[in-house]
Amino acid sequence: MFFNEEIMVKVVAPKKYADLGRRLAHGIAQKPSFKSAYWTSVEYQHNEQTDGNVQHAIFIGDNEENAITKTFWDILEEKREHSGGFYAINGNKAFIWANGEEDYSKVMAEEFKRMYKEKSLWLGFLIPHSLPGVLSWYIYKIIKRGKLLKMTQIAFAVEKFIEETFDAWIEENQHKG
């Protein structure tokens, strides 16, 4: 599906989502032919003009949390919603955020169970070439502890983006630019 060249995917998120961003970048880097790194929004802004390579980037956080997301907020189309978490794509950029308004924890727990039964989860780092499920441990941990709803919704949206859209997004934008 992918070509022999290495594909770089930057994961850009504010510090409050650093753990999630690092986990996502690590999971992407486990796929053959992929490199990935987590950058804070500030680091990305400081290096944006000096990095001449056309790359893929995933931005985590809504328009109030991530300055880069704010720049593209008005042009994001076809927003996909999953249990209060959202993602949208614009060219080689993907955006993932949550509304934090409604409690979808039961829906997320059911989806987590389905994914586990279908073995689409990436349990720990035991199966390093399978990206779907990379953040499932994180989702489960947050739901179990009853922590921040918005964080849970974002983690769930990341999981759904990887499962449903990631490969097609990479392939579609690999040789544009």
N, C-alpha and C. Protein backbone atom coordinates (compact mmCIF):
# COMPACT_ATOMS: atom_id res chain seq x y z
N MET A 1 0.82 -1.19 0.00
CA MET A 1 0.00 0.00 0.00
C MET A 1 0.86 1.25 0.00
N PHE A 2 1.92 1.31 0.82
CA PHE A 2 2.76 2.49 0.90
C PHE A 2 4.04 2.25 0.11
N PHE A 3 4.73 3.30 -0.20
CA PHE A 3 5.94 3.21 -0.98
C PHE A 3 7.14 2.96 -0.07
N ASN A 4 8.30 2.74 -0.63
CA ASN A 4 9.49 2.39 0.14
C ASN A 4 10.06 3.54 0.97
N GLU A 5 9.70 4.76 0.66
CA GLU A 5 10.24 5.90 1.40
C GLU A 5 9.62 5.99 2.79
N GLU A 6 10.35 6.61 3.71
CA GLU A 6 9.81 6.80 5.05
C GLU A 6 8.79 7.93 5.04
N ILE A 7 7.74 7.73 5.77
CA ILE A 7 6.66 8.70 5.86
C ILE A 7 6.71 9.32 7.24
N MET A 8 6.83 10.65 7.28
CA MET A 8 6.89 11.37 8.56
C MET A 8 5.52 11.89 8.91
N VAL A 9 5.09 11.63 10.13
CA VAL A 9 3.82 12.14 10.65
C VAL A 9 4.12 12.86 11.96
N LYS A 10 3.89 14.15 11.98
CA LYS A 10 4.06 14.92 13.22
C LYS A 10 2.74 14.91 13.98
N VAL A 11 2.83 14.75 15.26
CA VAL A 11 1.66 14.84 16.14
C VAL A 11 1.86 16.11 16.96
N VAL A 12 0.93 17.06 16.79
CA VAL A 12 1.07 18.38 17.40
C VAL A 12 -0.09 18.60 18.38
N ALA A 13 0.26 18.87 19.63
CA ALA A 13 -0.77 19.04 20.65
C ALA A 13 -0.27 19.98 21.74
N PRO A 14 -1.20 20.65 22.40
CA PRO A 14 -0.79 21.46 23.54
C PRO A 14 -0.27 20.56 24.66
N LYS A 15 0.45 21.14 25.60
CA LYS A 15 1.08 20.37 26.68
C LYS A 15 0.08 19.53 27.46
N LYS A 16 -1.15 19.98 27.58
CA LYS A 16 -2.13 19.22 28.36
C LYS A 16 -2.46 17.87 27.73
N TYR A 17 -2.17 17.70 26.44
CA TYR A 17 -2.39 16.43 25.75
C TYR A 17 -1.07 15.76 25.37
N ALA A 18 0.01 16.12 26.06
CA ALA A 18 1.34 15.61 25.72
C ALA A 18 1.41 14.09 25.80
N ASP A 19 0.87 13.49 26.85
CA ASP A 19 0.93 12.03 26.98
C ASP A 19 0.23 11.34 25.81
N LEU A 20 -0.93 11.84 25.47
CA LEU A 20 -1.69 11.29 24.36
C LEU A 20 -0.92 11.47 23.05
N GLY A 21 -0.35 12.65 22.83
CA GLY A 21 0.42 12.92 21.62
C GLY A 21 1.65 12.03 21.50
N ARG A 22 2.35 11.83 22.61
CA ARG A 22 3.53 10.96 22.59
C ARG A 22 3.15 9.52 22.29
N ARG A 23 2.07 9.05 22.90
CA ARG A 23 1.61 7.67 22.66
C ARG A 23 1.23 7.49 21.19
N LEU A 24 0.53 8.45 20.65
CA LEU A 24 0.13 8.36 19.24
C LEU A 24 1.37 8.36 18.34
N ALA A 25 2.30 9.26 18.59
CA ALA A 25 3.52 9.32 17.77
C ALA A 25 4.30 8.01 17.87
N HIS A 26 4.38 7.46 19.06
CA HIS A 26 5.09 6.19 19.24
C HIS A 26 4.40 5.07 18.45
N GLY A 27 3.07 5.03 18.53
CA GLY A 27 2.32 4.00 17.80
C GLY A 27 2.49 4.10 16.30
N ILE A 28 2.47 5.32 15.78
CA ILE A 28 2.66 5.52 14.34
C ILE A 28 4.06 5.07 13.92
N ALA A 29 5.05 5.40 14.74
CA ALA A 29 6.44 5.06 14.41
C ALA A 29 6.68 3.55 14.42
N GLN A 30 5.77 2.77 15.01
CA GLN A 30 5.91 1.32 15.01
C GLN A 30 5.50 0.70 13.68
N LYS A 31 4.77 1.43 12.88
CA LYS A 31 4.35 0.92 11.57
C LYS A 31 5.56 0.92 10.63
N PRO A 32 5.69 -0.10 9.80
CA PRO A 32 6.80 -0.13 8.84
C PRO A 32 6.76 1.11 7.94
N SER A 33 7.90 1.68 7.67
CA SER A 33 8.08 2.85 6.79
C SER A 33 7.59 4.16 7.38
N PHE A 34 7.30 4.20 8.67
CA PHE A 34 6.80 5.42 9.29
C PHE A 34 7.78 5.95 10.33
N LYS A 35 7.86 7.27 10.39
CA LYS A 35 8.55 7.98 11.46
C LYS A 35 7.52 8.95 12.02
N SER A 36 7.61 9.22 13.30
CA SER A 36 6.67 10.15 13.91
C SER A 36 7.30 10.79 15.13
N ALA A 37 6.84 11.99 15.44
CA ALA A 37 7.33 12.71 16.61
C ALA A 37 6.21 13.58 17.16
N TYR A 38 6.22 13.72 18.47
CA TYR A 38 5.28 14.63 19.13
C TYR A 38 5.93 16.01 19.23
N TRP A 39 5.19 17.02 18.89
CA TRP A 39 5.62 18.41 19.03
C TRP A 39 4.53 19.17 19.77
N THR A 40 4.92 20.10 20.62
CA THR A 40 3.91 21.00 21.19
C THR A 40 3.49 21.97 20.09
N SER A 41 2.38 22.61 20.30
CA SER A 41 1.90 23.60 19.32
C SER A 41 2.93 24.71 19.13
N VAL A 42 3.57 25.13 20.21
CA VAL A 42 4.57 26.19 20.15
C VAL A 42 5.79 25.73 19.35
N GLU A 43 6.26 24.52 19.59
CA GLU A 43 7.41 23.99 18.83
C GLU A 43 7.08 23.93 17.34
N TYR A 44 5.89 23.50 17.02
CA TYR A 44 5.49 23.42 15.62
C TYR A 44 5.50 24.81 14.98
N GLN A 45 4.94 25.79 15.68
CA GLN A 45 4.90 27.15 15.14
C GLN A 45 6.30 27.71 14.92
N HIS A 46 7.22 27.43 15.84
CA HIS A 46 8.60 27.93 15.71
C HIS A 46 9.35 27.29 14.55
N ASN A 47 9.00 26.07 14.18
CA ASN A 47 9.72 25.34 13.14
C ASN A 47 8.96 25.23 11.82
N GLU A 48 7.76 25.73 11.79
CA GLU A 48 6.89 25.58 10.63
C GLU A 48 7.51 26.12 9.34
N GLN A 49 8.10 27.29 9.40
CA GLN A 49 8.63 27.93 8.20
C GLN A 49 9.99 27.38 7.77
N THR A 50 10.73 26.75 8.71
CA THR A 50 12.06 26.25 8.37
C THR A 50 12.03 24.81 7.88
N ASP A 51 10.92 24.14 8.07
CA ASP A 51 10.82 22.74 7.66
C ASP A 51 10.23 22.69 6.26
N GLY A 52 11.07 22.47 5.27
CA GLY A 52 10.64 22.51 3.88
C GLY A 52 9.93 21.27 3.38
N ASN A 53 9.99 20.19 4.13
CA ASN A 53 9.36 18.94 3.68
C ASN A 53 7.84 19.01 3.81
N VAL A 54 7.16 18.51 2.80
CA VAL A 54 5.72 18.34 2.90
C VAL A 54 5.50 17.10 3.76
N GLN A 55 4.85 17.27 4.86
CA GLN A 55 4.67 16.17 5.78
C GLN A 55 3.21 16.08 6.21
N HIS A 56 2.92 14.96 6.82
CA HIS A 56 1.61 14.78 7.41
C HIS A 56 1.67 15.27 8.85
N ALA A 57 0.60 15.87 9.30
CA ALA A 57 0.54 16.34 10.69
C ALA A 57 -0.84 16.08 11.25
N ILE A 58 -0.86 15.65 12.50
CA ILE A 58 -2.10 15.43 13.23
C ILE A 58 -2.11 16.43 14.38
N PHE A 59 -3.14 17.28 14.41
CA PHE A 59 -3.26 18.31 15.43
C PHE A 59 -4.34 17.90 16.43
N ILE A 60 -3.97 17.87 17.70
CA ILE A 60 -4.90 17.48 18.75
C ILE A 60 -5.30 18.73 19.53
N GLY A 61 -6.60 18.86 19.78
CA GLY A 61 -7.13 19.99 20.53
C GLY A 61 -7.99 20.87 19.65
N ASP A 62 -9.00 21.49 20.26
CA ASP A 62 -9.92 22.33 19.49
C ASP A 62 -9.32 23.71 19.23
N ASN A 63 -10.12 24.60 18.65
CA ASN A 63 -9.63 25.91 18.25
C ASN A 63 -9.27 26.81 19.43
N GLU A 64 -9.67 26.47 20.63
CA GLU A 64 -9.28 27.25 21.80
C GLU A 64 -8.04 26.66 22.48
N GLU A 65 -7.73 25.40 22.18
CA GLU A 65 -6.61 24.71 22.83
C GLU A 65 -5.35 24.66 21.97
N ASN A 66 -5.51 24.70 20.66
CA ASN A 66 -4.38 24.54 19.76
C ASN A 66 -4.43 25.67 18.71
N ALA A 67 -3.41 26.50 18.71
CA ALA A 67 -3.37 27.67 17.82
C ALA A 67 -3.40 27.27 16.35
N ILE A 68 -2.81 26.13 16.00
CA ILE A 68 -2.81 25.70 14.61
C ILE A 68 -4.21 25.29 14.20
N THR A 69 -4.89 24.56 15.06
CA THR A 69 -6.28 24.18 14.79
C THR A 69 -7.12 25.42 14.58
N LYS A 70 -6.89 26.45 15.38
CA LYS A 70 -7.65 27.70 15.26
C LYS A 70 -7.51 28.30 13.86
N THR A 71 -6.33 28.22 13.29
CA THR A 71 -6.08 28.75 11.95
C THR A 71 -6.95 28.07 10.90
N PHE A 72 -7.16 26.79 11.04
CA PHE A 72 -7.89 26.00 10.03
C PHE A 72 -9.35 25.76 10.39
N TRP A 73 -9.79 26.17 11.56
CA TRP A 73 -11.11 25.82 12.11
C TRP A 73 -12.25 26.10 11.13
N ASP A 74 -12.24 27.25 10.49
CA ASP A 74 -13.36 27.64 9.61
C ASP A 74 -13.41 26.88 8.29
N ILE A 75 -12.32 26.21 7.92
CA ILE A 75 -12.33 25.51 6.63
C ILE A 75 -12.41 23.99 6.78
N LEU A 76 -12.54 23.51 8.02
CA LEU A 76 -12.65 22.07 8.22
C LEU A 76 -14.04 21.61 7.79
N GLU A 77 -14.05 20.64 6.89
CA GLU A 77 -15.31 20.09 6.39
C GLU A 77 -15.37 18.61 6.75
N GLU A 78 -16.52 18.02 6.58
CA GLU A 78 -16.73 16.59 6.83
C GLU A 78 -16.17 16.17 8.18
N LYS A 79 -16.64 16.84 9.21
CA LYS A 79 -16.23 16.49 10.56
C LYS A 79 -16.93 15.20 10.98
N ARG A 80 -16.14 14.23 11.39
CA ARG A 80 -16.71 12.95 11.85
C ARG A 80 -16.76 12.95 13.36
N GLU A 81 -17.91 12.56 13.90
CA GLU A 81 -18.12 12.56 15.34
C GLU A 81 -18.25 11.15 15.87
N HIS A 82 -17.59 10.89 16.97
CA HIS A 82 -17.66 9.60 17.66
C HIS A 82 -17.72 9.86 19.15
N SER A 83 -18.87 9.71 19.74
CA SER A 83 -19.03 9.81 21.19
C SER A 83 -18.48 11.10 21.78
N GLY A 84 -18.71 12.20 21.10
CA GLY A 84 -18.25 13.50 21.59
C GLY A 84 -16.86 13.88 21.15
N GLY A 85 -16.16 12.97 20.49
CA GLY A 85 -14.84 13.26 19.92
C GLY A 85 -15.00 13.43 18.42
N PHE A 86 -14.19 14.28 17.83
CA PHE A 86 -14.32 14.60 16.41
C PHE A 86 -12.97 14.50 15.70
N TYR A 87 -13.03 14.28 14.40
CA TYR A 87 -11.83 14.45 13.58
C TYR A 87 -12.25 14.94 12.20
N ALA A 88 -11.32 15.65 11.57
CA ALA A 88 -11.53 16.17 10.22
C ALA A 88 -10.17 16.20 9.54
N ILE A 89 -10.21 16.17 8.22
CA ILE A 89 -8.99 16.18 7.43
C ILE A 89 -9.02 17.35 6.47
N ASN A 90 -7.87 17.98 6.28
CA ASN A 90 -7.71 19.02 5.28
C ASN A 90 -6.34 18.80 4.65
N GLY A 91 -6.32 18.13 3.50
CA GLY A 91 -5.06 17.82 2.83
C GLY A 91 -4.20 16.91 3.68
N ASN A 92 -2.96 17.32 3.90
CA ASN A 92 -2.05 16.49 4.68
C ASN A 92 -2.13 16.77 6.19
N LYS A 93 -3.18 17.46 6.60
CA LYS A 93 -3.39 17.75 8.01
C LYS A 93 -4.66 17.08 8.52
N ALA A 94 -4.56 16.49 9.70
CA ALA A 94 -5.73 15.90 10.36
C ALA A 94 -5.90 16.63 11.69
N PHE A 95 -7.14 16.83 12.07
CA PHE A 95 -7.46 17.57 13.30
C PHE A 95 -8.36 16.70 14.16
N ILE A 96 -8.02 16.60 15.45
CA ILE A 96 -8.78 15.76 16.36
C ILE A 96 -9.08 16.58 17.62
N TRP A 97 -10.34 16.60 18.04
CA TRP A 97 -10.75 17.38 19.20
C TRP A 97 -12.00 16.78 19.81
N ALA A 98 -12.48 17.40 20.89
CA ALA A 98 -13.69 16.90 21.55
C ALA A 98 -14.52 18.08 22.04
N ASN A 99 -15.80 17.79 22.28
CA ASN A 99 -16.66 18.85 22.80
C ASN A 99 -16.71 18.88 24.32
N GLY A 100 -16.49 17.74 24.97
CA GLY A 100 -16.49 17.69 26.42
C GLY A 100 -17.81 18.00 27.07
N GLU A 101 -18.89 18.03 26.28
CA GLU A 101 -20.18 18.45 26.81
C GLU A 101 -21.07 17.33 27.30
N GLU A 102 -21.03 16.18 26.65
CA GLU A 102 -21.93 15.09 27.03
C GLU A 102 -21.15 13.88 27.46
N ASP A 103 -21.72 13.12 28.37
CA ASP A 103 -21.03 11.95 28.86
C ASP A 103 -21.34 10.76 27.97
N TYR A 104 -20.36 10.37 27.19
CA TYR A 104 -20.48 9.23 26.29
C TYR A 104 -19.71 8.02 26.82
N SER A 105 -19.38 8.03 28.11
CA SER A 105 -18.50 6.98 28.63
C SER A 105 -19.08 5.59 28.44
N LYS A 106 -20.40 5.43 28.55
CA LYS A 106 -21.00 4.10 28.35
C LYS A 106 -20.86 3.67 26.90
N VAL A 107 -21.09 4.59 25.98
CA VAL A 107 -20.93 4.29 24.56
C VAL A 107 -19.48 3.93 24.25
N MET A 108 -18.55 4.70 24.82
CA MET A 108 -17.14 4.43 24.58
C MET A 108 -16.73 3.08 25.17
N ALA A 109 -17.24 2.78 26.35
CA ALA A 109 -16.91 1.48 26.97
C ALA A 109 -17.43 0.33 26.11
N GLU A 110 -18.63 0.47 25.55
CA GLU A 110 -19.17 -0.57 24.68
C GLU A 110 -18.34 -0.72 23.40
N GLU A 111 -17.93 0.39 22.84
CA GLU A 111 -17.10 0.35 21.64
C GLU A 111 -15.74 -0.29 21.96
N PHE A 112 -15.21 0.04 23.11
CA PHE A 112 -13.95 -0.55 23.55
C PHE A 112 -14.09 -2.07 23.65
N LYS A 113 -15.17 -2.54 24.23
CA LYS A 113 -15.42 -3.97 24.34
C LYS A 113 -15.53 -4.63 22.97
N ARG A 114 -16.23 -3.96 22.04
CA ARG A 114 -16.36 -4.50 20.69
C ARG A 114 -15.00 -4.63 20.03
N MET A 115 -14.19 -3.59 20.15
CA MET A 115 -12.88 -3.60 19.53
C MET A 115 -12.01 -4.69 20.15
N TYR A 116 -12.13 -4.88 21.44
CA TYR A 116 -11.37 -5.93 22.12
C TYR A 116 -11.78 -7.31 21.61
N LYS A 117 -13.08 -7.53 21.51
CA LYS A 117 -13.58 -8.82 21.03
C LYS A 117 -13.15 -9.09 19.60
N GLU A 118 -13.11 -8.04 18.78
CA GLU A 118 -12.71 -8.20 17.39
C GLU A 118 -11.18 -8.18 17.23
N LYS A 119 -10.49 -8.08 18.34
CA LYS A 119 -9.02 -8.07 18.35
C LYS A 119 -8.45 -6.94 17.48
N SER A 120 -9.16 -5.83 17.42
CA SER A 120 -8.64 -4.70 16.68
C SER A 120 -7.82 -3.78 17.59
N LEU A 121 -7.76 -4.13 18.86
CA LEU A 121 -6.98 -3.33 19.80
C LEU A 121 -5.51 -3.66 19.71
N TRP A 122 -4.71 -2.70 19.96
CA TRP A 122 -3.28 -2.90 20.05
C TRP A 122 -2.98 -2.96 21.54
N LEU A 123 -2.94 -4.14 22.08
CA LEU A 123 -2.82 -4.33 23.52
C LEU A 123 -1.39 -4.07 23.97
N GLY A 124 -1.23 -3.04 24.75
CA GLY A 124 0.11 -2.63 25.17
C GLY A 124 0.91 -2.28 23.94
N PHE A 125 2.05 -2.88 23.82
CA PHE A 125 2.83 -2.75 22.59
C PHE A 125 3.23 -4.15 22.14
N LEU A 126 2.31 -5.10 22.30
CA LEU A 126 2.60 -6.49 21.99
C LEU A 126 2.59 -6.78 20.50
N ILE A 127 1.77 -6.05 19.76
CA ILE A 127 1.66 -6.29 18.32
C ILE A 127 2.06 -4.99 17.62
N PRO A 128 3.34 -4.72 17.48
CA PRO A 128 3.80 -3.41 17.05
C PRO A 128 3.45 -3.02 15.61
N HIS A 129 2.99 -3.93 14.79
CA HIS A 129 2.67 -3.54 13.42
C HIS A 129 1.19 -3.29 13.21
N SER A 130 0.42 -3.28 14.27
CA SER A 130 -1.01 -3.03 14.18
C SER A 130 -1.33 -1.75 14.92
N LEU A 131 -1.64 -0.68 14.19
CA LEU A 131 -1.87 0.61 14.83
C LEU A 131 -3.25 0.73 15.48
N PRO A 132 -4.34 0.20 14.91
CA PRO A 132 -5.62 0.34 15.60
C PRO A 132 -5.53 -0.23 17.01
N GLY A 133 -5.99 0.52 17.96
CA GLY A 133 -5.96 0.10 19.35
C GLY A 133 -4.79 0.68 20.12
N VAL A 134 -3.95 1.46 19.45
CA VAL A 134 -2.76 1.98 20.12
C VAL A 134 -3.11 2.78 21.37
N LEU A 135 -4.22 3.41 21.37
CA LEU A 135 -4.57 4.24 22.52
C LEU A 135 -5.66 3.63 23.38
N SER A 136 -6.04 2.40 23.10
CA SER A 136 -7.14 1.79 23.84
C SER A 136 -6.83 1.63 25.32
N TRP A 137 -5.59 1.30 25.65
CA TRP A 137 -5.23 1.20 27.06
C TRP A 137 -5.46 2.54 27.75
N TYR A 138 -5.16 3.63 27.03
CA TYR A 138 -5.29 4.98 27.57
C TYR A 138 -6.77 5.32 27.78
N ILE A 139 -7.59 4.97 26.79
CA ILE A 139 -9.03 5.21 26.89
C ILE A 139 -9.59 4.45 28.08
N TYR A 140 -9.24 3.20 28.16
CA TYR A 140 -9.75 2.37 29.25
C TYR A 140 -9.33 2.94 30.60
N LYS A 141 -8.08 3.35 30.71
CA LYS A 141 -7.54 3.90 31.94
C LYS A 141 -8.31 5.15 32.36
N ILE A 142 -8.59 6.03 31.41
CA ILE A 142 -9.32 7.26 31.72
C ILE A 142 -10.76 6.95 32.13
N ILE A 143 -11.43 6.07 31.37
CA ILE A 143 -12.82 5.72 31.69
C ILE A 143 -12.88 5.08 33.07
N LYS A 144 -11.96 4.17 33.33
CA LYS A 144 -11.95 3.43 34.59
C LYS A 144 -11.79 4.38 35.78
N ARG A 145 -10.94 5.35 35.65
CA ARG A 145 -10.69 6.28 36.74
C ARG A 145 -11.70 7.44 36.77
N GLY A 146 -12.56 7.52 35.77
CA GLY A 146 -13.54 8.60 35.73
C GLY A 146 -12.90 9.96 35.52
N LYS A 147 -11.78 9.99 34.82
CA LYS A 147 -11.07 11.24 34.61
C LYS A 147 -11.71 12.06 33.49
N LEU A 148 -11.12 13.15 33.22
CA LEU A 148 -11.55 14.16 32.27
C LEU A 148 -12.29 13.63 31.04
N LEU A 149 -13.52 14.00 30.92
CA LEU A 149 -14.36 13.57 29.81
C LEU A 149 -13.77 14.00 28.47
N LYS A 150 -13.35 15.24 28.38
CA LYS A 150 -12.83 15.74 27.11
C LYS A 150 -11.60 14.96 26.67
N MET A 151 -10.72 14.65 27.60
CA MET A 151 -9.52 13.87 27.29
C MET A 151 -9.93 12.49 26.77
N THR A 152 -10.91 11.88 27.40
CA THR A 152 -11.39 10.56 26.98
C THR A 152 -11.96 10.64 25.57
N GLN A 153 -12.75 11.66 25.31
CA GLN A 153 -13.35 11.82 23.99
C GLN A 153 -12.29 12.02 22.92
N ILE A 154 -11.26 12.78 23.22
CA ILE A 154 -10.18 12.98 22.25
C ILE A 154 -9.45 11.66 22.00
N ALA A 155 -9.14 10.94 23.06
CA ALA A 155 -8.47 9.65 22.89
C ALA A 155 -9.31 8.71 22.05
N PHE A 156 -10.60 8.72 22.26
CA PHE A 156 -11.50 7.87 21.48
C PHE A 156 -11.53 8.31 20.02
N ALA A 157 -11.57 9.62 19.78
CA ALA A 157 -11.55 10.13 18.41
C ALA A 157 -10.24 9.78 17.70
N VAL A 158 -9.13 9.81 18.43
CA VAL A 158 -7.84 9.40 17.85
C VAL A 158 -7.93 7.93 17.43
N GLU A 159 -8.45 7.11 18.32
CA GLU A 159 -8.59 5.69 18.04
C GLU A 159 -9.43 5.45 16.78
N LYS A 160 -10.55 6.15 16.67
CA LYS A 160 -11.44 5.98 15.51
C LYS A 160 -10.78 6.51 14.24
N PHE A 161 -10.06 7.62 14.34
CA PHE A 161 -9.35 8.16 13.18
C PHE A 161 -8.34 7.14 12.66
N ILE A 162 -7.57 6.54 13.56
CA ILE A 162 -6.57 5.56 13.17
C ILE A 162 -7.26 4.35 12.53
N GLU A 163 -8.31 3.90 13.14
CA GLU A 163 -9.02 2.70 12.67
C GLU A 163 -9.70 2.93 11.32
N GLU A 164 -10.33 4.07 11.15
CA GLU A 164 -11.18 4.31 9.98
C GLU A 164 -10.51 5.05 8.82
N THR A 165 -9.55 5.93 9.11
CA THR A 165 -9.14 6.89 8.10
C THR A 165 -7.64 7.00 7.87
N PHE A 166 -6.83 6.65 8.83
CA PHE A 166 -5.39 6.92 8.77
C PHE A 166 -4.73 6.44 7.48
N ASP A 167 -4.87 5.16 7.16
CA ASP A 167 -4.19 4.61 5.98
C ASP A 167 -4.61 5.30 4.69
N ALA A 168 -5.91 5.53 4.51
CA ALA A 168 -6.39 6.20 3.30
C ALA A 168 -5.89 7.64 3.24
N TRP A 169 -5.85 8.32 4.38
CA TRP A 169 -5.36 9.70 4.45
C TRP A 169 -3.89 9.77 4.03
N ILE A 170 -3.09 8.88 4.56
CA ILE A 170 -1.66 8.86 4.20
C ILE A 170 -1.50 8.59 2.71
N GLU A 171 -2.17 7.57 2.23
CA GLU A 171 -2.04 7.18 0.83
C GLU A 171 -2.49 8.30 -0.11
N GLU A 172 -3.57 8.94 0.20
CA GLU A 172 -4.12 10.00 -0.66
C GLU A 172 -3.17 11.20 -0.74
N ASN A 173 -2.45 11.49 0.33
CA ASN A 173 -1.62 12.70 0.38
C ASN A 173 -0.13 12.42 0.25
N GLN A 174 0.26 11.19 0.05
CA GLN A 174 1.67 10.84 0.07
C GLN A 174 2.49 11.56 -1.00
N HIS A 175 1.96 11.73 -2.18
CA HIS A 175 2.78 12.31 -3.24
C HIS A 175 2.24 13.65 -3.73
N LYS A 176 1.48 14.32 -2.87
CA LYS A 176 1.02 15.67 -3.21
C LYS A 176 2.06 16.66 -2.73
N GLY A 177 2.01 17.79 -3.29
CA GLY A 177 2.89 18.84 -2.79
C GLY A 177 3.66 19.42 -3.89
